[in-house]
Amino acid sequence: MPKGEDVSITVYGRQNCGDCSMTKKVLDKENVLYNYVDIEKTPSAKKIVENVCASFGRLPAVPVIVVDVQTSEINTQFSAVEPRGLAMIAFARMTKTLMTLNKPTS
């Protein structure tokens, strides 16, 4: 794996959102590090959610998970809109694997 790789995860959600709470719970259980952004407290985050949802042909909805992968060879981003059940667990495990693979070795 080339050096200089980084993976960051951002979960966009809002208070009193059951799916947002479940998403955080699954990521926590899988020991996935992530940033949580409440779209009601961060106005610029609403636009990000709108853009991600539009890219899926969907109306704005939360949770939205955005994973950024920055490497010396790849600069990419992938997202999930309202992942549920097994899809959420699979997404969390895939993200955890990416993060593990991209940890610098001493």
Protein backbone atom coordinates (compact mmCIF):
# COMPACT_ATOMS: atom_id res chain seq x y z
CA MET A 1 0.00 0.00 0.00
CA PRO A 2 1.50 3.40 -0.94
CA LYS A 3 2.31 5.87 1.79
CA GLY A 4 0.29 9.04 2.38
CA GLU A 5 -3.10 7.37 2.47
CA ASP A 6 -6.01 8.58 4.52
CA VAL A 7 -9.65 7.65 5.00
CA SER A 8 -12.18 9.93 6.66
CA ILE A 9 -15.83 9.26 7.38
CA THR A 10 -18.48 11.88 7.98
CA VAL A 11 -22.03 11.05 9.05
CA TYR A 12 -24.61 13.76 8.40
CA GLY A 13 -27.75 13.52 10.50
CA ARG A 14 -30.10 15.38 12.77
CA GLN A 15 -31.51 15.13 16.28
CA ASN A 16 -34.47 12.85 16.87
CA CYS A 17 -33.63 10.75 13.82
CA GLY A 18 -33.87 7.05 14.60
CA ASP A 19 -31.91 6.00 11.51
CA CYS A 20 -29.15 8.51 12.40
CA SER A 21 -28.91 7.08 15.92
CA MET A 22 -28.81 3.53 14.57
CA THR A 23 -26.09 4.47 12.08
CA LYS A 24 -23.93 5.91 14.85
CA LYS A 25 -24.60 2.86 17.03
CA VAL A 26 -23.51 0.44 14.28
CA LEU A 27 -20.37 2.46 13.48
CA ASP A 28 -19.51 2.64 17.18
CA LYS A 29 -20.04 -1.12 17.59
CA GLU A 30 -17.75 -1.76 14.60
CA ASN A 31 -15.15 0.65 16.08
CA VAL A 32 -15.25 2.88 13.02
CA LEU A 33 -13.95 6.40 13.64
CA TYR A 34 -16.17 9.07 12.13
CA ASN A 35 -17.18 12.70 12.40
CA TYR A 36 -20.83 13.45 13.10
CA VAL A 37 -22.39 16.62 11.71
CA ASP A 38 -25.88 17.72 12.76
CA ILE A 39 -27.36 19.37 9.67
CA GLU A 40 -29.69 21.48 11.80
CA LYS A 41 -26.74 23.04 13.64
CA THR A 42 -24.45 23.33 10.59
CA PRO A 43 -26.25 25.09 7.73
CA SER A 44 -23.56 24.29 5.14
CA ALA A 45 -24.08 20.57 5.86
CA LYS A 46 -27.65 20.71 4.52
CA LYS A 47 -26.27 21.57 1.07
CA ILE A 48 -23.86 18.63 1.22
CA VAL A 49 -26.75 16.28 2.07
CA GLU A 50 -28.84 17.75 -0.75
CA ASN A 51 -25.99 17.25 -3.24
CA VAL A 52 -25.23 13.69 -2.17
CA CYS A 53 -28.91 12.71 -2.25
CA ALA A 54 -29.35 14.36 -5.66
CA SER A 55 -26.43 12.29 -7.00
CA PHE A 56 -28.49 9.21 -6.09
CA GLY A 57 -31.63 10.72 -7.64
CA ARG A 58 -33.16 11.09 -4.19
CA LEU A 59 -34.78 13.83 -2.18
CA PRO A 60 -32.72 15.04 0.80
CA ALA A 61 -32.74 12.51 3.63
CA VAL A 62 -30.51 11.55 6.51
CA PRO A 63 -28.39 9.81 7.51
CA VAL A 64 -25.86 10.38 4.78
CA ILE A 65 -22.41 8.85 5.15
CA VAL A 66 -19.55 10.25 3.11
CA VAL A 67 -16.24 8.40 2.95
CA ASP A 68 -13.22 10.21 1.53
CA VAL A 69 -10.23 8.16 0.44
CA GLN A 70 -7.06 10.11 -0.27
CA THR A 71 -3.99 8.21 -1.43
CA SER A 72 -0.96 9.00 -3.49
CA GLU A 73 -2.69 7.15 -6.34
CA ILE A 74 -6.41 7.67 -5.69
CA ASN A 75 -8.56 10.59 -4.62
CA THR A 76 -12.14 9.40 -4.39
CA GLN A 77 -15.29 9.74 -2.38
CA PHE A 78 -18.22 7.37 -1.93
CA SER A 79 -21.46 7.81 -0.09
CA ALA A 80 -24.46 5.99 1.31
CA VAL A 81 -27.89 7.49 1.80
CA GLU A 82 -30.07 6.04 4.55
CA PRO A 83 -28.26 2.69 4.84
CA ARG A 84 -30.25 0.19 6.88
CA GLY A 85 -29.90 -3.25 8.39
CA LEU A 86 -27.37 -5.52 6.76
CA ALA A 87 -26.41 -2.81 4.28
CA MET A 88 -25.37 -0.55 7.17
CA ILE A 89 -23.32 -3.31 8.80
CA ALA A 90 -21.65 -4.17 5.48
CA PHE A 91 -20.91 -0.49 4.84
CA ALA A 92 -19.40 -0.10 8.34
CA ARG A 93 -17.22 -3.18 7.95
CA MET A 94 -16.04 -2.16 4.48
CA THR A 95 -15.13 1.28 5.81
CA LYS A 96 -13.36 -0.24 8.81
CA THR A 97 -11.36 -2.47 6.47
CA LEU A 98 -10.35 0.53 4.36
CA MET A 99 -9.23 2.36 7.47
CA THR A 100 -7.22 -0.65 8.66
CA LEU A 101 -5.54 -1.11 5.28
CA ASN A 102 -4.62 2.55 5.16
CA LYS A 103 -2.97 2.77 8.60
CA PRO A 104 0.68 3.72 8.25
CA THR A 105 3.12 0.99 9.14
CA SER A 106 6.12 1.83 11.26
